[in-house]
Amino acid sequence: MGTASRLAQHHLVSRRRTPRRKPLLRRGHHWPEHATLPVGAHHGDATPASALAADHPNADGLAPLGFDRGHEPSALDLPLATLGWADPLRWLAAGWRDFRRAPLIGLFFGACFVLMGWALLATFRHAPEYTLALSAGFLLMGPFLCLGLYEASRSLAQGQRPGFWRSLTAWRQSGAQLAIFAAVLLVLEMLWGRAAMIVFAISFDGVPDFSGPLSSFLTEEYITFAVVYSAVGALFAGLIYGISVISMPLLLDRQVDAVSAGLLSLRLVLSQVGVMLWWGALITGLTLLAMLPGFLGLLLVGPVLGHASWHAYRAALDAR
């Protein structure tokens, strides 16, 4: 009995001292045979690894080693439609239809454009050296005012009735990216204003007098100033137009970043220079004509151009 008791006690102590081995958790590096294939795929078909990885992650939620989850394509990869010379006229006609369907919203933003014009005229009369800088500021504010018109056109395209408050607060739908884009435009506006001041400083000894008769401006000094002043303005206006012609409605309509939207807009202008220059000339010409009767023409022309710009964006991306 004593020997048997000692053997039993030794056996129990040995079992206590024997460490328990934890089961090994092996991560499978192959897909199970019963894995569900993507819709439309059959056994034996070549299925992309990224699709399998997205559908069958590991236990920790990550795709197996060597596989990457799919990612959304960049806005720069969006295909652009081929535009024709008659398209800008169609955009204007569509803009006029939208204005007639939502006149109160259009007249409100048109009145804002008229007030901006009066402020520009008052600046030219009292401080002409700041006129170009203020014009750049209005070019910065114009696209953001048009956001309400874009929202109204989008609602009409969806068969909905556009609301005034929704148009007024359309910027809230993509506020962060619009703020980044506004910062880029602000930098360009500041550079434009600085360049204008340099042109004034080089061309004149002091503040020029623009209240004299027209014949007093036909001198070499004024003509040289006008040429250089216009060239500087055209350079910055063209750059602002290039990066913003469709970027603002794109930011409002889709979840894209501001830089990609600006680059896509610039790609559109550079790839279809003729049509986009024709569209820019129409915008400039109609705006100048609307400014002649005391800027009152902007009450109609401003909102029509805003609605038309939405249709230009839709046509450029062939979003029907």
C-alpha atoms as a PDB file:
ATOM      1  CA  MET A   1       0.000   0.000   0.000  1.00  0.00           C
ATOM      2  CA  GLY A   2       2.804   2.386   0.803  1.00  0.00           C
ATOM      3  CA  THR A   3       4.470   1.856  -2.545  1.00  0.00           C
ATOM      4  CA  ALA A   4       1.194   2.240  -4.415  1.00  0.00           C
ATOM      5  CA  SER A   5       0.380   5.442  -2.547  1.00  0.00           C
ATOM      6  CA  ARG A   6       3.770   6.936  -3.371  1.00  0.00           C
ATOM      7  CA  LEU A   7       3.397   6.028  -7.069  1.00  0.00           C
ATOM      8  CA  ALA A   8      -0.067   7.597  -7.230  1.00  0.00           C
ATOM      9  CA  GLN A   9       1.168  10.765  -5.483  1.00  0.00           C
ATOM     10  CA  HIS A  10       4.140  11.012  -7.869  1.00  0.00           C
ATOM     11  CA  HIS A  11       1.783  10.645 -10.832  1.00  0.00           C
ATOM     12  CA  LEU A  12      -0.444  13.435  -9.594  1.00  0.00           C
ATOM     13  CA  VAL A  13       2.496  15.784  -8.967  1.00  0.00           C
ATOM     14  CA  SER A  14       3.877  15.066 -12.427  1.00  0.00           C
ATOM     15  CA  ARG A  15       0.541  15.935 -14.024  1.00  0.00           C
ATOM     16  CA  ARG A  16       0.414  19.200 -12.081  1.00  0.00           C
ATOM     17  CA  ARG A  17       3.927  20.163 -13.171  1.00  0.00           C
ATOM     18  CA  THR A  18       3.312  19.286 -16.825  1.00  0.00           C
ATOM     19  CA  PRO A  19       2.582  22.583 -18.644  1.00  0.00           C
ATOM     20  CA  ARG A  20      -0.506  22.740 -20.736  1.00  0.00           C
ATOM     21  CA  ARG A  21       0.159  23.546 -24.347  1.00  0.00           C
ATOM     22  CA  LYS A  22      -2.084  26.183 -25.853  1.00  0.00           C
ATOM     23  CA  PRO A  23      -3.569  25.237 -29.184  1.00  0.00           C
ATOM     24  CA  LEU A  24      -1.880  26.921 -32.117  1.00  0.00           C
ATOM     25  CA  LEU A  25      -4.077  29.424 -33.952  1.00  0.00           C
ATOM     26  CA  ARG A  26      -3.076  29.277 -37.568  1.00  0.00           C
ATOM     27  CA  ARG A  27      -4.369  31.806 -39.994  1.00  0.00           C
ATOM     28  CA  GLY A  28      -5.458  30.246 -43.213  1.00  0.00           C
ATOM     29  CA  HIS A  29      -3.661  31.509 -46.285  1.00  0.00           C
ATOM     30  CA  HIS A  30      -6.031  29.833 -48.684  1.00  0.00           C
ATOM     31  CA  TRP A  31      -9.680  30.315 -49.367  1.00  0.00           C
ATOM     32  CA  PRO A  32     -12.056  27.551 -48.255  1.00  0.00           C
ATOM     33  CA  GLU A  33     -13.613  25.462 -50.956  1.00  0.00           C
ATOM     34  CA  HIS A  34     -17.089  26.556 -49.929  1.00  0.00           C
ATOM     35  CA  ALA A  35     -16.225  30.269 -50.218  1.00  0.00           C
ATOM     36  CA  THR A  36     -18.929  32.266 -51.925  1.00  0.00           C
ATOM     37  CA  LEU A  37     -17.863  33.540 -55.308  1.00  0.00           C
ATOM     38  CA  PRO A  38     -18.866  36.952 -56.589  1.00  0.00           C
ATOM     39  CA  VAL A  39     -22.156  37.266 -58.396  1.00  0.00           C
ATOM     40  CA  GLY A  40     -21.824  36.029 -61.950  1.00  0.00           C
ATOM     41  CA  ALA A  41     -18.593  34.108 -61.301  1.00  0.00           C
ATOM     42  CA  HIS A  42     -18.184  30.313 -61.537  1.00  0.00           C
ATOM     43  CA  HIS A  43     -15.721  27.822 -60.214  1.00  0.00           C
ATOM     44  CA  GLY A  44     -12.666  27.860 -62.387  1.00  0.00           C
ATOM     45  CA  ASP A  45     -13.039  31.499 -63.385  1.00  0.00           C
ATOM     46  CA  ALA A  46     -10.169  33.855 -62.738  1.00  0.00           C
ATOM     47  CA  THR A  47     -11.454  35.983 -59.873  1.00  0.00           C
ATOM     48  CA  PRO A  48      -9.498  39.126 -58.931  1.00  0.00           C
ATOM     49  CA  ALA A  49      -7.675  38.729 -55.642  1.00  0.00           C
ATOM     50  CA  SER A  50      -8.879  42.107 -54.408  1.00  0.00           C
ATOM     51  CA  ALA A  51     -12.516  41.018 -54.794  1.00  0.00           C
ATOM     52  CA  LEU A  52     -11.897  37.840 -52.795  1.00  0.00           C
ATOM     53  CA  ALA A  53     -10.019  39.752 -50.123  1.00  0.00           C
ATOM     54  CA  ALA A  54     -12.835  42.215 -49.746  1.00  0.00           C
ATOM     55  CA  ASP A  55     -15.452  39.474 -49.411  1.00  0.00           C
ATOM     56  CA  HIS A  56     -13.475  37.079 -47.142  1.00  0.00           C
ATOM     57  CA  PRO A  57     -11.384  38.916 -44.555  1.00  0.00           C
ATOM     58  CA  ASN A  58      -9.539  37.183 -41.754  1.00  0.00           C
ATOM     59  CA  ALA A  59     -10.853  36.882 -38.235  1.00  0.00           C
ATOM     60  CA  ASP A  60      -9.236  40.223 -37.335  1.00  0.00           C
ATOM     61  CA  GLY A  61     -11.075  42.011 -40.114  1.00  0.00           C
ATOM     62  CA  LEU A  62      -8.020  42.398 -42.336  1.00  0.00           C
ATOM     63  CA  ALA A  63      -7.523  40.947 -45.769  1.00  0.00           C
ATOM     64  CA  PRO A  64      -4.955  38.155 -46.085  1.00  0.00           C
ATOM     65  CA  LEU A  65      -1.356  39.051 -46.683  1.00  0.00           C
ATOM     66  CA  GLY A  66      -0.760  40.153 -50.229  1.00  0.00           C
ATOM     67  CA  PHE A  67      -4.295  41.372 -50.849  1.00  0.00           C
ATOM     68  CA  ASP A  68      -5.532  44.962 -50.694  1.00  0.00           C
ATOM     69  CA  ARG A  69      -9.046  46.124 -50.276  1.00  0.00           C
ATOM     70  CA  GLY A  70     -10.550  47.919 -53.237  1.00  0.00           C
ATOM     71  CA  HIS A  71     -10.556  51.724 -53.165  1.00  0.00           C
ATOM     72  CA  GLU A  72     -12.719  54.367 -54.729  1.00  0.00           C
ATOM     73  CA  PRO A  73     -11.336  55.799 -57.972  1.00  0.00           C
ATOM     74  CA  SER A  74     -10.017  59.324 -57.830  1.00  0.00           C
ATOM     75  CA  ALA A  75     -11.973  62.216 -59.285  1.00  0.00           C
ATOM     76  CA  LEU A  76      -9.097  62.680 -61.709  1.00  0.00           C
ATOM     77  CA  ASP A  77     -10.060  59.336 -63.290  1.00  0.00           C
ATOM     78  CA  LEU A  78     -13.578  60.462 -64.157  1.00  0.00           C
ATOM     79  CA  PRO A  79     -14.121  60.340 -67.928  1.00  0.00           C
ATOM     80  CA  LEU A  80     -14.854  63.598 -69.692  1.00  0.00           C
ATOM     81  CA  ALA A  81     -17.367  63.895 -72.495  1.00  0.00           C
ATOM     82  CA  THR A  82     -16.474  65.354 -75.879  1.00  0.00           C
ATOM     83  CA  LEU A  83     -18.172  68.732 -76.113  1.00  0.00           C
ATOM     84  CA  GLY A  84     -19.374  70.461 -79.258  1.00  0.00           C
ATOM     85  CA  TRP A  85     -19.449  74.090 -80.268  1.00  0.00           C
ATOM     86  CA  ALA A  86     -23.232  74.237 -79.888  1.00  0.00           C
ATOM     87  CA  ASP A  87     -23.187  72.881 -76.329  1.00  0.00           C
ATOM     88  CA  PRO A  88     -22.599  76.249 -74.575  1.00  0.00           C
ATOM     89  CA  LEU A  89     -25.720  77.631 -76.267  1.00  0.00           C
ATOM     90  CA  ARG A  90     -27.682  74.616 -75.020  1.00  0.00           C
ATOM     91  CA  TRP A  91     -26.386  75.266 -71.510  1.00  0.00           C
ATOM     92  CA  LEU A  92     -27.639  78.847 -71.686  1.00  0.00           C
ATOM     93  CA  ALA A  93     -31.057  77.671 -72.870  1.00  0.00           C
ATOM     94  CA  ALA A  94     -31.226  75.151 -70.021  1.00  0.00           C
ATOM     95  CA  GLY A  95     -30.149  77.859 -67.565  1.00  0.00           C
ATOM     96  CA  TRP A  96     -32.937  80.128 -68.751  1.00  0.00           C
ATOM     97  CA  ARG A  97     -35.477  77.321 -68.263  1.00  0.00           C
ATOM     98  CA  ASP A  98     -34.245  76.734 -64.714  1.00  0.00           C
ATOM     99  CA  PHE A  99     -34.467  80.458 -63.964  1.00  0.00           C
ATOM    100  CA  ARG A 100     -38.086  80.557 -65.146  1.00  0.00           C
ATOM    101  CA  ARG A 101     -38.938  77.536 -62.989  1.00  0.00           C
ATOM    102  CA  ALA A 102     -37.374  79.048 -59.836  1.00  0.00           C
ATOM    103  CA  PRO A 103     -37.529  82.829 -60.383  1.00  0.00           C
ATOM    104  CA  LEU A 104     -37.442  83.971 -56.754  1.00  0.00           C
ATOM    105  CA  ILE A 105     -34.222  82.116 -56.002  1.00  0.00           C
ATOM    106  CA  GLY A 106     -32.667  83.448 -59.199  1.00  0.00           C
ATOM    107  CA  LEU A 107     -33.704  87.040 -58.530  1.00  0.00           C
ATOM    108  CA  PHE A 108     -32.274  86.909 -55.010  1.00  0.00           C
ATOM    109  CA  PHE A 109     -28.836  85.848 -56.229  1.00  0.00           C
ATOM    110  CA  GLY A 110     -29.139  88.220 -59.173  1.00  0.00           C
ATOM    111  CA  ALA A 111     -29.668  91.091 -56.721  1.00  0.00           C
ATOM    112  CA  CYS A 112     -26.479  90.025 -54.934  1.00  0.00           C
ATOM    113  CA  PHE A 113     -24.596  90.292 -58.232  1.00  0.00           C
ATOM    114  CA  VAL A 114     -26.031  93.785 -58.817  1.00  0.00           C
ATOM    115  CA  LEU A 115     -24.889  94.942 -55.370  1.00  0.00           C
ATOM    116  CA  MET A 116     -21.433  93.591 -56.077  1.00  0.00           C
ATOM    117  CA  GLY A 117     -21.364  95.569 -59.307  1.00  0.00           C
ATOM    118  CA  TRP A 118     -22.351  98.787 -57.549  1.00  0.00           C
ATOM    119  CA  ALA A 119     -19.610  98.235 -54.981  1.00  0.00           C
ATOM    120  CA  LEU A 120     -17.104  97.730 -57.818  1.00  0.00           C
ATOM    121  CA  LEU A 121     -18.228 100.964 -59.498  1.00  0.00           C
ATOM    122  CA  ALA A 122     -17.931 102.939 -56.250  1.00  0.00           C
ATOM    123  CA  THR A 123     -14.421 101.566 -55.721  1.00  0.00           C
ATOM    124  CA  PHE A 124     -13.397 102.594 -59.237  1.00  0.00           C
ATOM    125  CA  ARG A 125     -14.580 106.144 -58.617  1.00  0.00           C
ATOM    126  CA  HIS A 126     -12.933 106.671 -55.235  1.00  0.00           C
ATOM    127  CA  ALA A 127      -9.945 104.263 -55.187  1.00  0.00           C
ATOM    128  CA  PRO A 128      -9.239 102.998 -58.731  1.00  0.00           C
ATOM    129  CA  GLU A 129      -6.009 101.276 -57.707  1.00  0.00           C
ATOM    130  CA  TYR A 130      -8.068  98.710 -55.782  1.00  0.00           C
ATOM    131  CA  THR A 131     -10.526  97.992 -58.593  1.00  0.00           C
ATOM    132  CA  LEU A 132      -8.707  94.952 -59.974  1.00  0.00           C
ATOM    133  CA  ALA A 133      -8.177  93.490 -56.518  1.00  0.00           C
ATOM    134  CA  LEU A 134     -11.878  93.920 -55.747  1.00  0.00           C
ATOM    135  CA  SER A 135     -12.746  92.343 -59.087  1.00  0.00           C
ATOM    136  CA  ALA A 136     -10.661  89.344 -58.071  1.00  0.00           C
ATOM    137  CA  GLY A 137     -12.536  89.204 -54.795  1.00  0.00           C
ATOM    138  CA  PHE A 138     -15.834  89.152 -56.654  1.00  0.00           C
ATOM    139  CA  LEU A 139     -14.521  86.353 -58.841  1.00  0.00           C
ATOM    140  CA  LEU A 140     -13.906  84.519 -55.586  1.00  0.00           C
ATOM    141  CA  MET A 141     -17.389  85.227 -54.227  1.00  0.00           C
ATOM    142  CA  GLY A 142     -19.231  84.622 -57.496  1.00  0.00           C
ATOM    143  CA  PRO A 143     -18.813  80.827 -57.653  1.00  0.00           C
ATOM    144  CA  PHE A 144     -19.856  80.501 -54.007  1.00  0.00           C
ATOM    145  CA  LEU A 145     -22.986  82.558 -54.614  1.00  0.00           C
ATOM    146  CA  CYS A 146     -23.711  80.290 -57.566  1.00  0.00           C
ATOM    147  CA  LEU A 147     -23.771  77.285 -55.231  1.00  0.00           C
ATOM    148  CA  GLY A 148     -27.374  78.147 -54.422  1.00  0.00           C
ATOM    149  CA  LEU A 149     -28.193  78.206 -58.133  1.00  0.00           C
ATOM    150  CA  TYR A 150     -26.453  74.855 -58.631  1.00  0.00           C
ATOM    151  CA  GLU A 151     -28.523  73.383 -55.826  1.00  0.00           C
ATOM    152  CA  ALA A 152     -31.737  74.720 -57.381  1.00  0.00           C
ATOM    153  CA  SER A 153     -30.829  73.210 -60.773  1.00  0.00           C
ATOM    154  CA  ARG A 154     -29.972  69.887 -59.169  1.00  0.00           C
ATOM    155  CA  SER A 155     -33.317  69.794 -57.367  1.00  0.00           C
ATOM    156  CA  LEU A 156     -35.154  70.574 -60.602  1.00  0.00           C
ATOM    157  CA  ALA A 157     -33.255  67.811 -62.418  1.00  0.00           C
ATOM    158  CA  GLN A 158     -34.351  65.357 -59.700  1.00  0.00           C
ATOM    159  CA  GLY A 159     -37.983  66.387 -60.081  1.00  0.00           C
ATOM    160  CA  GLN A 160     -38.039  68.206 -56.744  1.00  0.00           C
ATOM    161  CA  ARG A 161     -39.129  71.709 -55.881  1.00  0.00           C
ATOM    162  CA  PRO A 162     -36.080  73.841 -55.017  1.00  0.00           C
ATOM    163  CA  GLY A 163     -36.177  75.478 -51.607  1.00  0.00           C
ATOM    164  CA  PHE A 164     -34.811  78.924 -50.831  1.00  0.00           C
ATOM    165  CA  TRP A 165     -33.202  77.964 -47.509  1.00  0.00           C
ATOM    166  CA  ARG A 166     -31.658  74.842 -48.996  1.00  0.00           C
ATOM    167  CA  SER A 167     -30.163  76.919 -51.820  1.00  0.00           C
ATOM    168  CA  LEU A 168     -28.888  79.506 -49.364  1.00  0.00           C
ATOM    169  CA  THR A 169     -27.126  76.844 -47.256  1.00  0.00           C
ATOM    170  CA  ALA A 170     -25.963  74.591 -50.105  1.00  0.00           C
ATOM    171  CA  TRP A 171     -22.332  75.115 -49.041  1.00  0.00           C
ATOM    172  CA  ARG A 172     -22.943  73.021 -45.915  1.00  0.00           C
ATOM    173  CA  GLN A 173     -23.132  69.819 -47.966  1.00  0.00           C
ATOM    174  CA  SER A 174     -19.374  69.890 -48.604  1.00  0.00           C
ATOM    175  CA  GLY A 175     -18.184  72.645 -46.304  1.00  0.00           C
ATOM    176  CA  ALA A 176     -14.670  71.365 -45.599  1.00  0.00           C
ATOM    177  CA  GLN A 177     -13.669  70.846 -49.231  1.00  0.00           C
ATOM    178  CA  LEU A 178     -15.295  74.121 -50.274  1.00  0.00           C
ATOM    179  CA  ALA A 179     -13.258  75.889 -47.580  1.00  0.00           C
ATOM    180  CA  ILE A 180     -10.049  74.388 -48.998  1.00  0.00           C
ATOM    181  CA  PHE A 181     -11.018  75.452 -52.497  1.00  0.00           C
ATOM    182  CA  ALA A 182     -11.858  78.932 -51.225  1.00  0.00           C
ATOM    183  CA  ALA A 183      -8.397  79.149 -49.659  1.00  0.00           C
ATOM    184  CA  VAL A 184      -6.801  78.311 -53.010  1.00  0.00           C
ATOM    185  CA  LEU A 185      -8.866  80.982 -54.765  1.00  0.00           C
ATOM    186  CA  LEU A 186      -8.023  83.458 -52.008  1.00  0.00           C
ATOM    187  CA  VAL A 187      -4.291  82.911 -52.545  1.00  0.00           C
ATOM    188  CA  LEU A 188      -4.738  83.503 -56.273  1.00  0.00           C
ATOM    189  CA  GLU A 189      -6.783  86.633 -55.537  1.00  0.00           C
ATOM    190  CA  MET A 190      -4.079  88.005 -53.249  1.00  0.00           C
ATOM    191  CA  LEU A 191      -1.413  87.344 -55.873  1.00  0.00           C
ATOM    192  CA  TRP A 192      -3.585  89.031 -58.469  1.00  0.00           C
ATOM    193  CA  GLY A 193      -4.097  92.079 -56.253  1.00  0.00           C
ATOM    194  CA  ARG A 194      -0.362  92.320 -55.512  1.00  0.00           C
ATOM    195  CA  ALA A 195       0.447  92.086 -59.203  1.00  0.00           C
ATOM    196  CA  ALA A 196      -2.079  94.864 -59.945  1.00  0.00           C
ATOM    197  CA  MET A 197      -0.486  97.132 -57.348  1.00  0.00           C
ATOM    198  CA  ILE A 198       2.940  96.515 -58.865  1.00  0.00           C
ATOM    199  CA  VAL A 199       1.613  97.457 -62.322  1.00  0.00           C
ATOM    200  CA  PHE A 200       0.202 100.688 -60.896  1.00  0.00           C
ATOM    201  CA  ALA A 201       3.450 101.491 -59.096  1.00  0.00           C
ATOM    202  CA  ILE A 202       5.546 100.947 -62.219  1.00  0.00           C
ATOM    203  CA  SER A 203       3.211 102.795 -64.587  1.00  0.00           C
ATOM    204  CA  PHE A 204       2.439 105.950 -62.573  1.00  0.00           C
ATOM    205  CA  ASP A 205       4.205 108.117 -60.048  1.00  0.00           C
ATOM    206  CA  GLY A 206       1.009 108.564 -58.047  1.00  0.00           C
ATOM    207  CA  VAL A 207      -2.678 107.734 -58.281  1.00  0.00           C
ATOM    208  CA  PRO A 208      -3.811 108.394 -61.886  1.00  0.00           C
ATOM    209  CA  ASP A 209      -6.829 110.586 -62.655  1.00  0.00           C
ATOM    210  CA  PHE A 210      -9.425 108.663 -64.649  1.00  0.00           C
ATOM    211  CA  SER A 211     -12.016 111.475 -64.570  1.00  0.00           C
ATOM    212  CA  GLY A 212     -10.605 113.329 -67.578  1.00  0.00           C
ATOM    213  CA  PRO A 213     -11.856 113.157 -71.172  1.00  0.00           C
ATOM    214  CA  LEU A 214     -11.263 110.056 -73.277  1.00  0.00           C
ATOM    215  CA  SER A 215      -8.604 111.785 -75.372  1.00  0.00           C
ATOM    216  CA  SER A 216      -6.387 112.176 -72.302  1.00  0.00           C
ATOM    217  CA  PHE A 217      -6.035 108.403 -72.090  1.00  0.00           C
ATOM    218  CA  LEU A 218      -4.654 108.027 -75.629  1.00  0.00           C
ATOM    219  CA  THR A 219      -1.078 108.525 -74.531  1.00  0.00           C
ATOM    220  CA  GLU A 220       1.788 106.064 -74.507  1.00  0.00           C
ATOM    221  CA  GLU A 221       1.755 105.929 -70.726  1.00  0.00           C
ATOM    222  CA  TYR A 222      -1.918 104.999 -70.455  1.00  0.00           C
ATOM    223  CA  ILE A 223      -1.853 102.614 -73.416  1.00  0.00           C
ATOM    224  CA  THR A 224       1.135 100.707 -72.014  1.00  0.00           C
ATOM    225  CA  PHE A 225      -0.544 100.548 -68.641  1.00  0.00           C
ATOM    226  CA  ALA A 226      -3.784  99.249 -70.182  1.00  0.00           C
ATOM    227  CA  VAL A 227      -1.959  96.511 -72.113  1.00  0.00           C
ATOM    228  CA  VAL A 228       0.049  95.288 -69.116  1.00  0.00           C
ATOM    229  CA  TYR A 229      -2.910  95.649 -66.753  1.00  0.00           C
ATOM    230  CA  SER A 230      -5.135  93.621 -69.073  1.00  0.00           C
ATOM    231  CA  ALA A 231      -2.470  90.938 -69.604  1.00  0.00           C
ATOM    232  CA  VAL A 232      -2.021  90.452 -65.856  1.00  0.00           C
ATOM    233  CA  GLY A 233      -5.768  90.324 -65.334  1.00  0.00           C
ATOM    234  CA  ALA A 234      -6.251  87.856 -68.190  1.00  0.00           C
ATOM    235  CA  LEU A 235      -3.553  85.552 -66.776  1.00  0.00           C
ATOM    236  CA  PHE A 236      -5.091  85.303 -63.318  1.00  0.00           C
ATOM    237  CA  ALA A 237      -8.684  85.304 -64.578  1.00  0.00           C
ATOM    238  CA  GLY A 238      -7.866  82.460 -66.966  1.00  0.00           C
ATOM    239  CA  LEU A 239      -6.254  80.432 -64.189  1.00  0.00           C
ATOM    240  CA  ILE A 240      -9.208  80.965 -61.856  1.00  0.00           C
ATOM    241  CA  TYR A 241     -11.606  80.095 -64.665  1.00  0.00           C
ATOM    242  CA  GLY A 242      -9.659  76.955 -65.517  1.00  0.00           C
ATOM    243  CA  ILE A 243      -9.706  75.458 -62.021  1.00  0.00           C
ATOM    244  CA  SER A 244     -13.258  76.499 -61.135  1.00  0.00           C
ATOM    245  CA  VAL A 245     -15.338  76.109 -64.310  1.00  0.00           C
ATOM    246  CA  ILE A 246     -16.811  72.770 -63.166  1.00  0.00           C
ATOM    247  CA  SER A 247     -15.138  72.218 -59.787  1.00  0.00           C
ATOM    248  CA  MET A 248     -17.738  74.027 -57.689  1.00  0.00           C
ATOM    249  CA  PRO A 249     -20.761  72.054 -58.955  1.00  0.00           C
ATOM    250  CA  LEU A 250     -18.619  68.904 -58.775  1.00  0.00           C
ATOM    251  CA  LEU A 251     -17.866  69.533 -55.084  1.00  0.00           C
ATOM    252  CA  LEU A 252     -21.548  70.128 -54.450  1.00  0.00           C
ATOM    253  CA  ASP A 253     -22.736  67.061 -56.339  1.00  0.00           C
ATOM    254  CA  ARG A 254     -20.135  64.411 -55.420  1.00  0.00           C
ATOM    255  CA  GLN A 255     -17.889  63.450 -52.518  1.00  0.00           C
ATOM    256  CA  VAL A 256     -14.528  64.494 -53.965  1.00  0.00           C
ATOM    257  CA  ASP A 257     -11.632  66.529 -52.596  1.00  0.00           C
ATOM    258  CA  ALA A 258     -11.007  70.120 -53.608  1.00  0.00           C
ATOM    259  CA  VAL A 259      -7.621  69.533 -55.245  1.00  0.00           C
ATOM    260  CA  SER A 260      -8.910  66.728 -57.466  1.00  0.00           C
ATOM    261  CA  ALA A 261     -11.929  68.817 -58.442  1.00  0.00           C
ATOM    262  CA  GLY A 262      -9.740  71.756 -59.448  1.00  0.00           C
ATOM    263  CA  LEU A 263      -7.350  69.553 -61.422  1.00  0.00           C
ATOM    264  CA  LEU A 264     -10.216  67.797 -63.198  1.00  0.00           C
ATOM    265  CA  SER A 265     -11.664  71.180 -64.150  1.00  0.00           C
ATOM    266  CA  LEU A 266      -8.279  72.276 -65.467  1.00  0.00           C
ATOM    267  CA  ARG A 267      -7.958  69.020 -67.419  1.00  0.00           C
ATOM    268  CA  LEU A 268     -11.286  69.723 -69.076  1.00  0.00           C
ATOM    269  CA  VAL A 269     -10.172  73.197 -70.147  1.00  0.00           C
ATOM    270  CA  LEU A 270      -6.783  72.026 -71.433  1.00  0.00           C
ATOM    271  CA  SER A 271      -8.205  69.017 -73.283  1.00  0.00           C
ATOM    272  CA  GLN A 272     -10.993  70.973 -75.001  1.00  0.00           C
ATOM    273  CA  VAL A 273      -9.546  74.439 -75.259  1.00  0.00           C
ATOM    274  CA  GLY A 274     -11.709  75.711 -78.107  1.00  0.00           C
ATOM    275  CA  VAL A 275     -15.112  74.905 -76.623  1.00  0.00           C
ATOM    276  CA  MET A 276     -14.133  76.047 -73.139  1.00  0.00           C
ATOM    277  CA  LEU A 277     -12.726  79.322 -74.471  1.00  0.00           C
ATOM    278  CA  TRP A 278     -16.001  79.805 -76.356  1.00  0.00           C
ATOM    279  CA  TRP A 279     -17.909  79.162 -73.109  1.00  0.00           C
ATOM    280  CA  GLY A 280     -15.664  81.579 -71.220  1.00  0.00           C
ATOM    281  CA  ALA A 281     -16.151  84.207 -73.946  1.00  0.00           C
ATOM    282  CA  LEU A 282     -19.923  83.834 -73.665  1.00  0.00           C
ATOM    283  CA  ILE A 283     -19.759  84.272 -69.899  1.00  0.00           C
ATOM    284  CA  THR A 284     -17.523  87.345 -70.223  1.00  0.00           C
ATOM    285  CA  GLY A 285     -19.522  88.916 -73.048  1.00  0.00           C
ATOM    286  CA  LEU A 286     -22.909  88.455 -71.385  1.00  0.00           C
ATOM    287  CA  THR A 287     -21.538  89.751 -68.090  1.00  0.00           C
ATOM    288  CA  LEU A 288     -20.128  92.871 -69.747  1.00  0.00           C
ATOM    289  CA  LEU A 289     -23.414  93.521 -71.540  1.00  0.00           C
ATOM    290  CA  ALA A 290     -25.295  93.086 -68.268  1.00  0.00           C
ATOM    291  CA  MET A 291     -23.031  95.656 -66.612  1.00  0.00           C
ATOM    292  CA  LEU A 292     -23.818  98.428 -69.109  1.00  0.00           C
ATOM    293  CA  PRO A 293     -27.247  99.487 -67.755  1.00  0.00           C
ATOM    294  CA  GLY A 294     -25.917 100.224 -64.261  1.00  0.00           C
ATOM    295  CA  PHE A 295     -25.251  96.531 -63.548  1.00  0.00           C
ATOM    296  CA  LEU A 296     -29.006  95.929 -63.549  1.00  0.00           C
ATOM    297  CA  GLY A 297     -28.662  93.345 -66.282  1.00  0.00           C
ATOM    298  CA  LEU A 298     -26.950  91.050 -63.782  1.00  0.00           C
ATOM    299  CA  LEU A 299     -30.331  90.617 -62.135  1.00  0.00           C
ATOM    300  CA  LEU A 300     -31.182  88.197 -64.957  1.00  0.00           C
ATOM    301  CA  VAL A 301     -27.863  87.328 -66.569  1.00  0.00           C
ATOM    302  CA  GLY A 302     -26.188  86.337 -63.286  1.00  0.00           C
ATOM    303  CA  PRO A 303     -28.617  83.583 -62.278  1.00  0.00           C
ATOM    304  CA  VAL A 304     -28.997  82.323 -65.855  1.00  0.00           C
ATOM    305  CA  LEU A 305     -25.221  81.883 -66.105  1.00  0.00           C
ATOM    306  CA  GLY A 306     -25.212  80.159 -62.724  1.00  0.00           C
ATOM    307  CA  HIS A 307     -27.831  77.642 -63.794  1.00  0.00           C
ATOM    308  CA  ALA A 308     -26.085  77.196 -67.139  1.00  0.00           C
ATOM    309  CA  SER A 309     -22.797  76.416 -65.373  1.00  0.00           C
ATOM    310  CA  TRP A 310     -24.510  73.512 -63.627  1.00  0.00           C
ATOM    311  CA  HIS A 311     -25.600  72.120 -66.975  1.00  0.00           C
ATOM    312  CA  ALA A 312     -22.065  72.627 -68.309  1.00  0.00           C
ATOM    313  CA  TYR A 313     -20.744  70.462 -65.488  1.00  0.00           C
ATOM    314  CA  ARG A 314     -23.339  67.769 -66.139  1.00  0.00           C
ATOM    315  CA  ALA A 315     -22.550  67.742 -69.837  1.00  0.00           C
ATOM    316  CA  ALA A 316     -18.777  67.638 -69.271  1.00  0.00           C
ATOM    317  CA  LEU A 317     -19.098  64.521 -67.106  1.00  0.00           C
ATOM    318  CA  ASP A 318     -21.873  63.111 -69.309  1.00  0.00           C
ATOM    319  CA  ALA A 319     -24.046  62.737 -66.192  1.00  0.00           C
ATOM    320  CA  ARG A 320     -27.494  62.228 -67.687  1.00  0.00           C
END
